[in-house]
Amino acid sequence: MLAEVQKSDRVSSLIPSQYPVSIAPMMDRTDRHFRYFMRQITRRTLLYTEMVTTAAILHGDREKLLGFSPEEKPLVLQLGGDDREALITCAKIAEEWGYDEVNLNVGCPSPRVQSGNFGACLMLQPETVAKAVEAMQQTVSIPVTVKHRIGVDDRDRYEDMREFVRIVSETGCQRFTVHARKAWLQGLSPKENRTVPPLRYADVHRLKQEFPHLIIEINGGFTHWQQVQEQLQSIDAVMIGRAAYDNPYLFATCDRDFYGETQIPPTRREIVQAMFPYLEYWTGKGLKLNSITRHMLQLFTGQPGTKAWKRYITENIGRIDAGVEVVREALTRVP
């Protein structure tokens, strides 16, 4: 069950419209352990890695950066970078490792990303993005997609975003995930850039109207399924970010409501129990328990016993021998 994906495995291309719901790539959140945990809740939702820079892949520990379990698929690798040759090489690596798709980050506003000339600042360079996307598409058989903002700094007119999408889509790129907030490259922290700029859903809806042949996905501020259902009346897909981490059990009904599955959603207790073999496997390899349980703490959000659940785990993960028994015991604290 926990066998690693073989690097030589090949997968068929995704059909983007088959994935009306996805979980956003989030730094320090959507690592392999969070993704495996979410797969105990939803089997069909499209998952993303954290953003991984091309430099990290080319010069770092690829198993640590790119390794995943087969159960995590369908899975997208999000890349950060602006050098075309580096992006080509990393797209090849992603395909060889068995990823279903490569996504280029054109939305992150952090200073570190800006210093490397990628992320949101690339919205100001649509030709650079187009050349990179075209080169990657010519190199791999898996889809190459783009995640971007509605604008950057004072260049935030709808017409500016439309021009960006027009130029990049002419390469053959078919899916664009749009964070419906502009990004301020100076003056706001990455956290503030997720909340301070106002949401402009209408601009994303208009984009879909003007580019009906493209798959347009919207991201930003969604916390419950009624919002998602409403958005799907106007666009093709919805990406959920922080709400997936703060309330992961939200996704218990996703497969039924958006993918037509008929299975009864798992209970929270069943989800925890399904994680026991995974916890044993990784702690047996020397991984600290907290690397996995930190993603599970919000499972009982809004339920009786959630404080006791979190308290017991956080008070006991520091033990040298902390393992799956800590989670077993914490579960007994939940009514």
C-alpha atoms as a PDB file:
ATOM      1  CA  MET A   1       0.000   0.000   0.000  1.00  0.00           C
ATOM      2  CA  LEU A   2       2.762   2.403   0.925  1.00  0.00           C
ATOM      3  CA  ALA A   3       5.119   1.495  -1.882  1.00  0.00           C
ATOM      4  CA  GLU A   4       6.760   4.494  -3.472  1.00  0.00           C
ATOM      5  CA  VAL A   5       5.798   5.526  -6.990  1.00  0.00           C
ATOM      6  CA  GLN A   6       8.354   4.195  -9.430  1.00  0.00           C
ATOM      7  CA  LYS A   7      10.102   6.983 -11.312  1.00  0.00           C
ATOM      8  CA  SER A   8       9.523   5.183 -14.616  1.00  0.00           C
ATOM      9  CA  ASP A   9       5.733   5.006 -14.213  1.00  0.00           C
ATOM     10  CA  ARG A  10       3.835   6.885 -16.908  1.00  0.00           C
ATOM     11  CA  VAL A  11       0.289   8.181 -16.539  1.00  0.00           C
ATOM     12  CA  SER A  12      -2.352   9.382 -18.941  1.00  0.00           C
ATOM     13  CA  SER A  13      -3.072  13.078 -19.285  1.00  0.00           C
ATOM     14  CA  LEU A  14      -5.678  14.676 -17.106  1.00  0.00           C
ATOM     15  CA  ILE A  15      -8.841  16.038 -18.640  1.00  0.00           C
ATOM     16  CA  PRO A  16      -9.059  19.273 -16.629  1.00  0.00           C
ATOM     17  CA  SER A  17     -12.850  19.501 -16.630  1.00  0.00           C
ATOM     18  CA  GLN A  18     -12.983  16.165 -14.844  1.00  0.00           C
ATOM     19  CA  TYR A  19     -11.738  17.908 -11.705  1.00  0.00           C
ATOM     20  CA  PRO A  20     -14.302  20.519 -10.580  1.00  0.00           C
ATOM     21  CA  VAL A  21     -12.722  20.743  -7.114  1.00  0.00           C
ATOM     22  CA  SER A  22      -9.075  20.993  -6.099  1.00  0.00           C
ATOM     23  CA  ILE A  23      -7.031  21.835  -3.014  1.00  0.00           C
ATOM     24  CA  ALA A  24      -4.625  24.712  -3.497  1.00  0.00           C
ATOM     25  CA  PRO A  25      -0.845  24.375  -3.275  1.00  0.00           C
ATOM     26  CA  MET A  26       0.104  25.845   0.109  1.00  0.00           C
ATOM     27  CA  MET A  27       3.605  26.330   1.454  1.00  0.00           C
ATOM     28  CA  ASP A  28       4.277  24.354   4.653  1.00  0.00           C
ATOM     29  CA  ARG A  29       0.864  22.734   4.263  1.00  0.00           C
ATOM     30  CA  THR A  30       0.362  20.508   1.236  1.00  0.00           C
ATOM     31  CA  ASP A  31       3.286  18.138   1.734  1.00  0.00           C
ATOM     32  CA  ARG A  32       2.998  14.409   1.091  1.00  0.00           C
ATOM     33  CA  HIS A  33       1.681  13.641   4.574  1.00  0.00           C
ATOM     34  CA  PHE A  34      -1.147  16.164   4.361  1.00  0.00           C
ATOM     35  CA  ARG A  35      -2.044  14.844   0.917  1.00  0.00           C
ATOM     36  CA  TYR A  36      -2.122  11.239   2.114  1.00  0.00           C
ATOM     37  CA  PHE A  37      -4.304  12.291   5.044  1.00  0.00           C
ATOM     38  CA  MET A  38      -6.699  14.088   2.690  1.00  0.00           C
ATOM     39  CA  ARG A  39      -6.929  10.979   0.543  1.00  0.00           C
ATOM     40  CA  GLN A  40      -8.587   9.226   3.486  1.00  0.00           C
ATOM     41  CA  ILE A  41     -11.324  11.868   3.209  1.00  0.00           C
ATOM     42  CA  THR A  42     -11.627  12.434  -0.554  1.00  0.00           C
ATOM     43  CA  ARG A  43     -10.386  10.126  -3.297  1.00  0.00           C
ATOM     44  CA  ARG A  44     -11.259  12.320  -6.274  1.00  0.00           C
ATOM     45  CA  THR A  45     -10.295  15.897  -5.413  1.00  0.00           C
ATOM     46  CA  LEU A  46      -7.300  17.111  -7.406  1.00  0.00           C
ATOM     47  CA  LEU A  47      -4.305  17.662  -5.100  1.00  0.00           C
ATOM     48  CA  TYR A  48      -1.231  19.856  -5.507  1.00  0.00           C
ATOM     49  CA  THR A  49       2.225  19.814  -4.017  1.00  0.00           C
ATOM     50  CA  GLU A  50       3.660  22.838  -2.312  1.00  0.00           C
ATOM     51  CA  MET A  51       5.402  25.114  -4.795  1.00  0.00           C
ATOM     52  CA  VAL A  52       8.838  23.648  -5.516  1.00  0.00           C
ATOM     53  CA  THR A  53      11.447  25.819  -7.198  1.00  0.00           C
ATOM     54  CA  THR A  54      13.326  24.574 -10.224  1.00  0.00           C
ATOM     55  CA  ALA A  55      16.618  25.239  -8.435  1.00  0.00           C
ATOM     56  CA  ALA A  56      15.576  23.016  -5.534  1.00  0.00           C
ATOM     57  CA  ILE A  57      14.669  20.164  -7.868  1.00  0.00           C
ATOM     58  CA  LEU A  58      17.829  20.464  -9.928  1.00  0.00           C
ATOM     59  CA  HIS A  59      20.192  20.695  -6.970  1.00  0.00           C
ATOM     60  CA  GLY A  60      18.316  19.304  -3.948  1.00  0.00           C
ATOM     61  CA  ASP A  61      17.072  16.013  -2.511  1.00  0.00           C
ATOM     62  CA  ARG A  62      14.516  14.926  -5.081  1.00  0.00           C
ATOM     63  CA  GLU A  63      13.094  12.105  -3.001  1.00  0.00           C
ATOM     64  CA  LYS A  64      12.385  14.548  -0.195  1.00  0.00           C
ATOM     65  CA  LEU A  65      11.001  17.193  -2.552  1.00  0.00           C
ATOM     66  CA  LEU A  66       9.095  15.041  -5.032  1.00  0.00           C
ATOM     67  CA  GLY A  67       8.412  11.679  -3.388  1.00  0.00           C
ATOM     68  CA  PHE A  68       4.784  10.660  -2.937  1.00  0.00           C
ATOM     69  CA  SER A  69       2.630   7.610  -2.319  1.00  0.00           C
ATOM     70  CA  PRO A  70       0.460   6.213  -5.140  1.00  0.00           C
ATOM     71  CA  GLU A  71      -2.653   6.872  -3.048  1.00  0.00           C
ATOM     72  CA  GLU A  72      -2.121  10.633  -3.396  1.00  0.00           C
ATOM     73  CA  LYS A  73      -2.946  10.694  -7.111  1.00  0.00           C
ATOM     74  CA  PRO A  74      -4.298  12.504  -9.069  1.00  0.00           C
ATOM     75  CA  LEU A  75      -1.502  14.877  -8.157  1.00  0.00           C
ATOM     76  CA  VAL A  76      -0.046  18.055  -9.653  1.00  0.00           C
ATOM     77  CA  LEU A  77       3.495  19.332  -9.177  1.00  0.00           C
ATOM     78  CA  GLN A  78       3.591  23.113  -8.907  1.00  0.00           C
ATOM     79  CA  LEU A  79       6.828  24.649 -10.137  1.00  0.00           C
ATOM     80  CA  GLY A  80       8.340  28.020  -9.344  1.00  0.00           C
ATOM     81  CA  GLY A  81      10.823  29.464 -11.784  1.00  0.00           C
ATOM     82  CA  ASP A  82      11.324  31.597 -14.875  1.00  0.00           C
ATOM     83  CA  ASP A  83      14.260  29.959 -16.657  1.00  0.00           C
ATOM     84  CA  ARG A  84      12.903  28.070 -19.645  1.00  0.00           C
ATOM     85  CA  GLU A  85      15.585  25.391 -19.762  1.00  0.00           C
ATOM     86  CA  ALA A  86      15.253  24.703 -16.036  1.00  0.00           C
ATOM     87  CA  LEU A  87      11.465  24.467 -16.364  1.00  0.00           C
ATOM     88  CA  ILE A  88      11.805  22.060 -19.286  1.00  0.00           C
ATOM     89  CA  THR A  89      14.116  19.813 -17.284  1.00  0.00           C
ATOM     90  CA  CYS A  90      11.852  19.902 -14.221  1.00  0.00           C
ATOM     91  CA  ALA A  91       8.767  19.143 -16.307  1.00  0.00           C
ATOM     92  CA  LYS A  92      10.563  16.062 -17.651  1.00  0.00           C
ATOM     93  CA  ILE A  93      11.443  15.023 -14.117  1.00  0.00           C
ATOM     94  CA  ALA A  94       7.835  15.505 -12.999  1.00  0.00           C
ATOM     95  CA  GLU A  95       6.588  13.254 -15.778  1.00  0.00           C
ATOM     96  CA  GLU A  96       9.225  10.626 -15.037  1.00  0.00           C
ATOM     97  CA  TRP A  97       8.263  10.591 -11.372  1.00  0.00           C
ATOM     98  CA  GLY A  98       4.623   9.978 -12.228  1.00  0.00           C
ATOM     99  CA  TYR A  99       2.963  13.340 -11.641  1.00  0.00           C
ATOM    100  CA  ASP A 100      -0.283  13.862 -13.520  1.00  0.00           C
ATOM    101  CA  GLU A 101       0.285  17.510 -14.369  1.00  0.00           C
ATOM    102  CA  VAL A 102       2.740  20.391 -14.045  1.00  0.00           C
ATOM    103  CA  ASN A 103       1.500  23.791 -12.879  1.00  0.00           C
ATOM    104  CA  LEU A 104       3.502  27.002 -13.177  1.00  0.00           C
ATOM    105  CA  ASN A 105       3.217  29.412 -10.237  1.00  0.00           C
ATOM    106  CA  VAL A 106       2.464  32.933 -11.441  1.00  0.00           C
ATOM    107  CA  GLY A 107       0.750  34.058  -8.256  1.00  0.00           C
ATOM    108  CA  CYS A 108       3.025  33.919  -5.221  1.00  0.00           C
ATOM    109  CA  PRO A 109       3.976  37.467  -4.065  1.00  0.00           C
ATOM    110  CA  SER A 110       6.626  36.677  -1.442  1.00  0.00           C
ATOM    111  CA  PRO A 111       9.900  38.671  -1.479  1.00  0.00           C
ATOM    112  CA  ARG A 112      11.908  35.463  -1.932  1.00  0.00           C
ATOM    113  CA  VAL A 113       9.960  34.633  -5.066  1.00  0.00           C
ATOM    114  CA  GLN A 114      10.284  38.178  -6.393  1.00  0.00           C
ATOM    115  CA  SER A 115      14.052  38.105  -5.955  1.00  0.00           C
ATOM    116  CA  GLY A 116      14.098  35.057  -8.204  1.00  0.00           C
ATOM    117  CA  ASN A 117      11.886  36.782 -10.781  1.00  0.00           C
ATOM    118  CA  PHE A 118       9.050  34.280 -10.669  1.00  0.00           C
ATOM    119  CA  GLY A 119       5.651  33.931  -9.036  1.00  0.00           C
ATOM    120  CA  ALA A 120       3.272  36.907  -9.303  1.00  0.00           C
ATOM    121  CA  CYS A 121       5.827  39.217 -10.919  1.00  0.00           C
ATOM    122  CA  LEU A 122       5.688  36.996 -14.020  1.00  0.00           C
ATOM    123  CA  MET A 123       2.223  38.375 -14.727  1.00  0.00           C
ATOM    124  CA  LEU A 124       4.101  41.440 -15.921  1.00  0.00           C
ATOM    125  CA  GLN A 125       5.990  39.232 -18.404  1.00  0.00           C
ATOM    126  CA  PRO A 126       3.338  37.213 -20.288  1.00  0.00           C
ATOM    127  CA  GLU A 127       5.675  36.472 -23.202  1.00  0.00           C
ATOM    128  CA  THR A 128       8.191  34.888 -20.811  1.00  0.00           C
ATOM    129  CA  VAL A 129       5.442  32.708 -19.346  1.00  0.00           C
ATOM    130  CA  ALA A 130       4.161  31.788 -22.791  1.00  0.00           C
ATOM    131  CA  LYS A 131       7.586  30.708 -24.032  1.00  0.00           C
ATOM    132  CA  ALA A 132       8.182  28.602 -20.922  1.00  0.00           C
ATOM    133  CA  VAL A 133       4.759  26.948 -21.071  1.00  0.00           C
ATOM    134  CA  GLU A 134       5.124  26.242 -24.780  1.00  0.00           C
ATOM    135  CA  ALA A 135       8.544  24.691 -24.275  1.00  0.00           C
ATOM    136  CA  MET A 136       7.310  22.468 -21.449  1.00  0.00           C
ATOM    137  CA  GLN A 137       4.301  21.349 -23.474  1.00  0.00           C
ATOM    138  CA  GLN A 138       6.552  20.366 -26.355  1.00  0.00           C
ATOM    139  CA  THR A 139       8.660  18.283 -23.974  1.00  0.00           C
ATOM    140  CA  VAL A 140       6.119  16.300 -21.918  1.00  0.00           C
ATOM    141  CA  SER A 141       2.829  14.543 -22.579  1.00  0.00           C
ATOM    142  CA  ILE A 142       1.205  15.553 -19.276  1.00  0.00           C
ATOM    143  CA  PRO A 143      -0.744  18.849 -19.129  1.00  0.00           C
ATOM    144  CA  VAL A 144       1.052  22.102 -18.315  1.00  0.00           C
ATOM    145  CA  THR A 145      -1.199  24.648 -16.573  1.00  0.00           C
ATOM    146  CA  VAL A 146      -0.873  28.076 -14.972  1.00  0.00           C
ATOM    147  CA  LYS A 147      -2.024  29.521 -11.637  1.00  0.00           C
ATOM    148  CA  HIS A 148      -2.043  33.317 -11.494  1.00  0.00           C
ATOM    149  CA  ARG A 149      -3.610  36.406  -9.917  1.00  0.00           C
ATOM    150  CA  ILE A 150      -6.113  38.823 -11.427  1.00  0.00           C
ATOM    151  CA  GLY A 151      -3.428  41.489 -11.407  1.00  0.00           C
ATOM    152  CA  VAL A 152      -0.242  42.827  -9.861  1.00  0.00           C
ATOM    153  CA  ASP A 153       0.229  46.212  -8.178  1.00  0.00           C
ATOM    154  CA  ASP A 154      -1.320  48.939 -10.343  1.00  0.00           C
ATOM    155  CA  ARG A 155      -1.502  46.687 -13.357  1.00  0.00           C
ATOM    156  CA  ASP A 156      -4.756  45.132 -12.279  1.00  0.00           C
ATOM    157  CA  ARG A 157      -7.317  46.044 -14.919  1.00  0.00           C
ATOM    158  CA  TYR A 158      -9.412  43.195 -16.260  1.00  0.00           C
ATOM    159  CA  GLU A 159      -7.948  43.958 -19.676  1.00  0.00           C
ATOM    160  CA  ASP A 160      -4.435  43.280 -18.358  1.00  0.00           C
ATOM    161  CA  MET A 161      -5.418  39.837 -17.080  1.00  0.00           C
ATOM    162  CA  ARG A 162      -7.264  39.048 -20.299  1.00  0.00           C
ATOM    163  CA  GLU A 163      -4.175  39.929 -22.314  1.00  0.00           C
ATOM    164  CA  PHE A 164      -2.010  37.715 -20.108  1.00  0.00           C
ATOM    165  CA  VAL A 165      -4.360  34.753 -20.592  1.00  0.00           C
ATOM    166  CA  ARG A 166      -4.662  35.403 -24.318  1.00  0.00           C
ATOM    167  CA  ILE A 167      -0.908  35.358 -24.861  1.00  0.00           C
ATOM    168  CA  VAL A 168      -0.293  32.260 -22.733  1.00  0.00           C
ATOM    169  CA  SER A 169      -3.301  30.329 -24.064  1.00  0.00           C
ATOM    170  CA  GLU A 170      -2.065  30.741 -27.638  1.00  0.00           C
ATOM    171  CA  THR A 171       0.675  28.243 -26.740  1.00  0.00           C
ATOM    172  CA  GLY A 172      -2.013  25.598 -26.217  1.00  0.00           C
ATOM    173  CA  CYS A 173      -2.300  25.927 -22.448  1.00  0.00           C
ATOM    174  CA  GLN A 174      -5.870  24.937 -21.610  1.00  0.00           C
ATOM    175  CA  ARG A 175      -6.362  25.518 -17.891  1.00  0.00           C
ATOM    176  CA  PHE A 176      -5.866  28.662 -15.877  1.00  0.00           C
ATOM    177  CA  THR A 177      -6.438  28.792 -12.128  1.00  0.00           C
ATOM    178  CA  VAL A 178      -7.144  32.369 -11.125  1.00  0.00           C
ATOM    179  CA  HIS A 179      -6.697  33.632  -7.577  1.00  0.00           C
ATOM    180  CA  ALA A 180      -9.407  36.290  -7.613  1.00  0.00           C
ATOM    181  CA  ARG A 181      -7.299  38.857  -5.751  1.00  0.00           C
ATOM    182  CA  LYS A 182      -4.576  41.115  -7.081  1.00  0.00           C
ATOM    183  CA  ALA A 183      -1.120  40.853  -5.556  1.00  0.00           C
ATOM    184  CA  TRP A 184       0.834  43.712  -4.062  1.00  0.00           C
ATOM    185  CA  LEU A 185       4.516  43.032  -4.565  1.00  0.00           C
ATOM    186  CA  GLN A 186       5.445  45.700  -2.001  1.00  0.00           C
ATOM    187  CA  GLY A 187       3.734  46.684   1.235  1.00  0.00           C
ATOM    188  CA  LEU A 188       1.810  43.501   2.009  1.00  0.00           C
ATOM    189  CA  SER A 189       3.060  40.208   3.453  1.00  0.00           C
ATOM    190  CA  PRO A 190       2.165  36.931   1.701  1.00  0.00           C
ATOM    191  CA  LYS A 191      -0.481  36.365   4.400  1.00  0.00           C
ATOM    192  CA  GLU A 192      -1.963  39.828   3.863  1.00  0.00           C
ATOM    193  CA  ASN A 193      -1.965  39.229   0.111  1.00  0.00           C
ATOM    194  CA  ARG A 194      -4.364  36.344   0.756  1.00  0.00           C
ATOM    195  CA  THR A 195      -6.863  38.508   2.622  1.00  0.00           C
ATOM    196  CA  VAL A 196      -6.423  42.277   2.120  1.00  0.00           C
ATOM    197  CA  PRO A 197      -6.919  42.814  -1.632  1.00  0.00           C
ATOM    198  CA  PRO A 198     -10.647  42.510  -2.375  1.00  0.00           C
ATOM    199  CA  LEU A 199     -12.001  39.461  -4.153  1.00  0.00           C
ATOM    200  CA  ARG A 200     -13.135  40.099  -7.712  1.00  0.00           C
ATOM    201  CA  TYR A 201     -15.040  36.999  -8.748  1.00  0.00           C
ATOM    202  CA  ALA A 202     -16.808  38.849 -11.561  1.00  0.00           C
ATOM    203  CA  ASP A 203     -13.510  39.307 -13.394  1.00  0.00           C
ATOM    204  CA  VAL A 204     -12.924  35.557 -13.400  1.00  0.00           C
ATOM    205  CA  HIS A 205     -16.462  34.896 -14.613  1.00  0.00           C
ATOM    206  CA  ARG A 206     -15.945  37.389 -17.413  1.00  0.00           C
ATOM    207  CA  LEU A 207     -12.707  35.648 -18.346  1.00  0.00           C
ATOM    208  CA  LYS A 208     -14.603  32.396 -18.812  1.00  0.00           C
ATOM    209  CA  GLN A 209     -17.185  34.163 -20.967  1.00  0.00           C
ATOM    210  CA  GLU A 210     -14.493  35.587 -23.225  1.00  0.00           C
ATOM    211  CA  PHE A 211     -12.481  32.352 -23.376  1.00  0.00           C
ATOM    212  CA  PRO A 212     -15.183  29.642 -23.388  1.00  0.00           C
ATOM    213  CA  HIS A 213     -12.782  27.103 -24.898  1.00  0.00           C
ATOM    214  CA  LEU A 214     -10.474  27.280 -21.855  1.00  0.00           C
ATOM    215  CA  ILE A 215     -10.873  25.604 -18.486  1.00  0.00           C
ATOM    216  CA  ILE A 216     -11.093  28.443 -15.972  1.00  0.00           C
ATOM    217  CA  GLU A 217     -10.751  27.609 -12.274  1.00  0.00           C
ATOM    218  CA  ILE A 218     -11.381  30.142  -9.513  1.00  0.00           C
ATOM    219  CA  ASN A 219      -9.552  30.396  -6.175  1.00  0.00           C
ATOM    220  CA  GLY A 220      -9.977  32.672  -3.178  1.00  0.00           C
ATOM    221  CA  GLY A 221     -12.149  32.828  -0.069  1.00  0.00           C
ATOM    222  CA  PHE A 222     -14.221  29.668  -0.434  1.00  0.00           C
ATOM    223  CA  THR A 223     -15.157  27.910   2.813  1.00  0.00           C
ATOM    224  CA  HIS A 224     -18.292  25.840   2.129  1.00  0.00           C
ATOM    225  CA  TRP A 225     -19.926  23.844  -0.649  1.00  0.00           C
ATOM    226  CA  GLN A 226     -22.798  26.218  -1.357  1.00  0.00           C
ATOM    227  CA  GLN A 227     -20.234  28.775  -2.538  1.00  0.00           C
ATOM    228  CA  VAL A 228     -18.639  26.146  -4.756  1.00  0.00           C
ATOM    229  CA  GLN A 229     -21.974  25.133  -6.280  1.00  0.00           C
ATOM    230  CA  GLU A 230     -22.739  28.763  -7.044  1.00  0.00           C
ATOM    231  CA  GLN A 231     -19.346  29.306  -8.688  1.00  0.00           C
ATOM    232  CA  LEU A 232     -19.742  26.233 -10.873  1.00  0.00           C
ATOM    233  CA  GLN A 233     -22.684  27.934 -12.535  1.00  0.00           C
ATOM    234  CA  SER A 234     -20.229  30.406 -14.076  1.00  0.00           C
ATOM    235  CA  ILE A 235     -16.841  28.698 -14.301  1.00  0.00           C
ATOM    236  CA  ASP A 236     -15.387  25.191 -14.664  1.00  0.00           C
ATOM    237  CA  ALA A 237     -13.715  24.452 -11.347  1.00  0.00           C
ATOM    238  CA  VAL A 238     -13.103  25.772  -7.838  1.00  0.00           C
ATOM    239  CA  MET A 239      -9.861  25.602  -5.866  1.00  0.00           C
ATOM    240  CA  ILE A 240     -10.106  25.678  -2.072  1.00  0.00           C
ATOM    241  CA  GLY A 241      -7.130  26.785  -0.008  1.00  0.00           C
ATOM    242  CA  ARG A 242      -6.918  27.432   3.733  1.00  0.00           C
ATOM    243  CA  ALA A 243     -10.386  26.057   4.456  1.00  0.00           C
ATOM    244  CA  ALA A 244      -9.124  22.623   3.406  1.00  0.00           C
ATOM    245  CA  TYR A 245      -6.447  22.804   6.075  1.00  0.00           C
ATOM    246  CA  ASP A 246      -8.516  24.453   8.792  1.00  0.00           C
ATOM    247  CA  ASN A 247     -11.505  22.135   8.308  1.00  0.00           C
ATOM    248  CA  PRO A 248     -10.384  19.048   6.345  1.00  0.00           C
ATOM    249  CA  TYR A 249     -13.576  17.106   7.066  1.00  0.00           C
ATOM    250  CA  LEU A 250     -15.354  19.605   4.832  1.00  0.00           C
ATOM    251  CA  PHE A 251     -14.224  17.316   2.004  1.00  0.00           C
ATOM    252  CA  ALA A 252     -15.985  14.220   3.349  1.00  0.00           C
ATOM    253  CA  THR A 253     -18.931  14.765   0.993  1.00  0.00           C
ATOM    254  CA  CYS A 254     -16.932  16.145  -1.944  1.00  0.00           C
ATOM    255  CA  ASP A 255     -16.729  12.876  -3.888  1.00  0.00           C
ATOM    256  CA  ARG A 256     -20.469  12.381  -3.557  1.00  0.00           C
ATOM    257  CA  ASP A 257     -21.531  15.954  -4.271  1.00  0.00           C
ATOM    258  CA  PHE A 258     -19.146  16.784  -7.129  1.00  0.00           C
ATOM    259  CA  TYR A 259     -17.914  13.490  -8.563  1.00  0.00           C
ATOM    260  CA  GLY A 260     -21.034  11.327  -8.409  1.00  0.00           C
ATOM    261  CA  GLU A 261     -19.614   8.735  -6.011  1.00  0.00           C
ATOM    262  CA  THR A 262     -22.138   6.652  -4.073  1.00  0.00           C
ATOM    263  CA  GLN A 263     -20.021   5.495  -1.133  1.00  0.00           C
ATOM    264  CA  ILE A 264     -21.006   6.648   2.323  1.00  0.00           C
ATOM    265  CA  PRO A 265     -18.536   9.334   3.484  1.00  0.00           C
ATOM    266  CA  PRO A 266     -16.088   8.082   6.145  1.00  0.00           C
ATOM    267  CA  THR A 267     -16.526   9.199   9.721  1.00  0.00           C
ATOM    268  CA  ARG A 268     -13.809  11.192  11.411  1.00  0.00           C
ATOM    269  CA  ARG A 269     -12.979   8.187  13.576  1.00  0.00           C
ATOM    270  CA  GLU A 270     -12.642   5.955  10.515  1.00  0.00           C
ATOM    271  CA  ILE A 271     -10.298   8.484   8.940  1.00  0.00           C
ATOM    272  CA  VAL A 272      -8.018   8.447  11.979  1.00  0.00           C
ATOM    273  CA  GLN A 273      -8.024   4.656  12.074  1.00  0.00           C
ATOM    274  CA  ALA A 274      -7.151   4.531   8.370  1.00  0.00           C
ATOM    275  CA  MET A 275      -4.057   6.585   9.158  1.00  0.00           C
ATOM    276  CA  PHE A 276      -2.655   4.105  11.712  1.00  0.00           C
ATOM    277  CA  PRO A 277      -0.669   1.970   9.196  1.00  0.00           C
ATOM    278  CA  TYR A 278       0.736   5.118   7.605  1.00  0.00           C
ATOM    279  CA  LEU A 279       1.802   6.504  10.987  1.00  0.00           C
ATOM    280  CA  GLU A 280       3.463   3.217  11.883  1.00  0.00           C
ATOM    281  CA  TYR A 281       5.251   3.066   8.528  1.00  0.00           C
ATOM    282  CA  TRP A 282       6.780   6.538   8.726  1.00  0.00           C
ATOM    283  CA  THR A 283       7.619   6.632  12.415  1.00  0.00           C
ATOM    284  CA  GLY A 284       9.233   3.248  11.852  1.00  0.00           C
ATOM    285  CA  LYS A 285      11.492   4.968   9.317  1.00  0.00           C
ATOM    286  CA  GLY A 286      12.477   7.556  11.913  1.00  0.00           C
ATOM    287  CA  LEU A 287      10.101  10.366  10.945  1.00  0.00           C
ATOM    288  CA  LYS A 288       8.905  12.488  13.855  1.00  0.00           C
ATOM    289  CA  LEU A 289       5.242  11.937  14.629  1.00  0.00           C
ATOM    290  CA  ASN A 290       4.488  15.652  14.441  1.00  0.00           C
ATOM    291  CA  SER A 291       5.380  15.714  10.752  1.00  0.00           C
ATOM    292  CA  ILE A 292       2.124  13.858  10.134  1.00  0.00           C
ATOM    293  CA  THR A 293      -0.124  14.665  13.091  1.00  0.00           C
ATOM    294  CA  ARG A 294       0.188  18.428  12.620  1.00  0.00           C
ATOM    295  CA  HIS A 295      -1.974  17.993   9.539  1.00  0.00           C
ATOM    296  CA  MET A 296      -4.590  16.000  11.459  1.00  0.00           C
ATOM    297  CA  LEU A 297      -5.213  18.353  14.371  1.00  0.00           C
ATOM    298  CA  GLN A 298      -8.187  20.118  12.766  1.00  0.00           C
ATOM    299  CA  LEU A 299     -10.066  16.935  11.835  1.00  0.00           C
ATOM    300  CA  PHE A 300     -12.555  17.356  14.686  1.00  0.00           C
ATOM    301  CA  THR A 301     -13.059  21.089  14.199  1.00  0.00           C
ATOM    302  CA  GLY A 302     -16.451  22.111  15.554  1.00  0.00           C
ATOM    303  CA  GLN A 303     -17.014  18.739  17.231  1.00  0.00           C
ATOM    304  CA  PRO A 304     -17.131  17.776  20.931  1.00  0.00           C
ATOM    305  CA  GLY A 305     -13.712  16.600  22.035  1.00  0.00           C
ATOM    306  CA  THR A 306     -11.686  18.607  19.526  1.00  0.00           C
ATOM    307  CA  LYS A 307      -9.762  20.434  22.267  1.00  0.00           C
ATOM    308  CA  ALA A 308      -8.962  17.191  24.089  1.00  0.00           C
ATOM    309  CA  TRP A 309      -7.869  15.584  20.805  1.00  0.00           C
ATOM    310  CA  LYS A 310      -5.467  18.399  19.975  1.00  0.00           C
ATOM    311  CA  ARG A 311      -4.238  18.797  23.539  1.00  0.00           C
ATOM    312  CA  TYR A 312      -3.302  15.151  23.994  1.00  0.00           C
ATOM    313  CA  ILE A 313      -1.408  14.988  20.701  1.00  0.00           C
ATOM    314  CA  THR A 314       0.485  18.253  21.184  1.00  0.00           C
ATOM    315  CA  GLU A 315       1.428  17.350  24.765  1.00  0.00           C
ATOM    316  CA  ASN A 316       2.789  13.924  23.804  1.00  0.00           C
ATOM    317  CA  ILE A 317       4.429  14.266  20.395  1.00  0.00           C
ATOM    318  CA  GLY A 318       7.650  15.441  22.014  1.00  0.00           C
ATOM    319  CA  ARG A 319       8.373  12.051  23.533  1.00  0.00           C
ATOM    320  CA  ILE A 320      11.331  10.286  21.969  1.00  0.00           C
ATOM    321  CA  ASP A 321       9.262   7.138  21.439  1.00  0.00           C
ATOM    322  CA  ALA A 322       6.109   8.929  20.295  1.00  0.00           C
ATOM    323  CA  GLY A 323       4.300   6.828  17.728  1.00  0.00           C
ATOM    324  CA  VAL A 324       0.891   5.719  16.585  1.00  0.00           C
ATOM    325  CA  GLU A 325      -0.151   4.929  20.179  1.00  0.00           C
ATOM    326  CA  VAL A 326      -0.296   8.673  20.865  1.00  0.00           C
ATOM    327  CA  VAL A 327      -2.953   9.074  18.189  1.00  0.00           C
ATOM    328  CA  ARG A 328      -4.811   5.970  19.351  1.00  0.00           C
ATOM    329  CA  GLU A 329      -4.980   7.379  22.863  1.00  0.00           C
ATOM    330  CA  ALA A 330      -5.963  10.841  21.634  1.00  0.00           C
ATOM    331  CA  LEU A 331      -8.882   9.273  19.780  1.00  0.00           C
ATOM    332  CA  THR A 332     -10.250   7.887  23.048  1.00  0.00           C
ATOM    333  CA  ARG A 333     -10.567  11.495  24.251  1.00  0.00           C
ATOM    334  CA  VAL A 334     -13.164  12.170  21.544  1.00  0.00           C
ATOM    335  CA  PRO A 335     -16.775  11.242  22.460  1.00  0.00           C
END
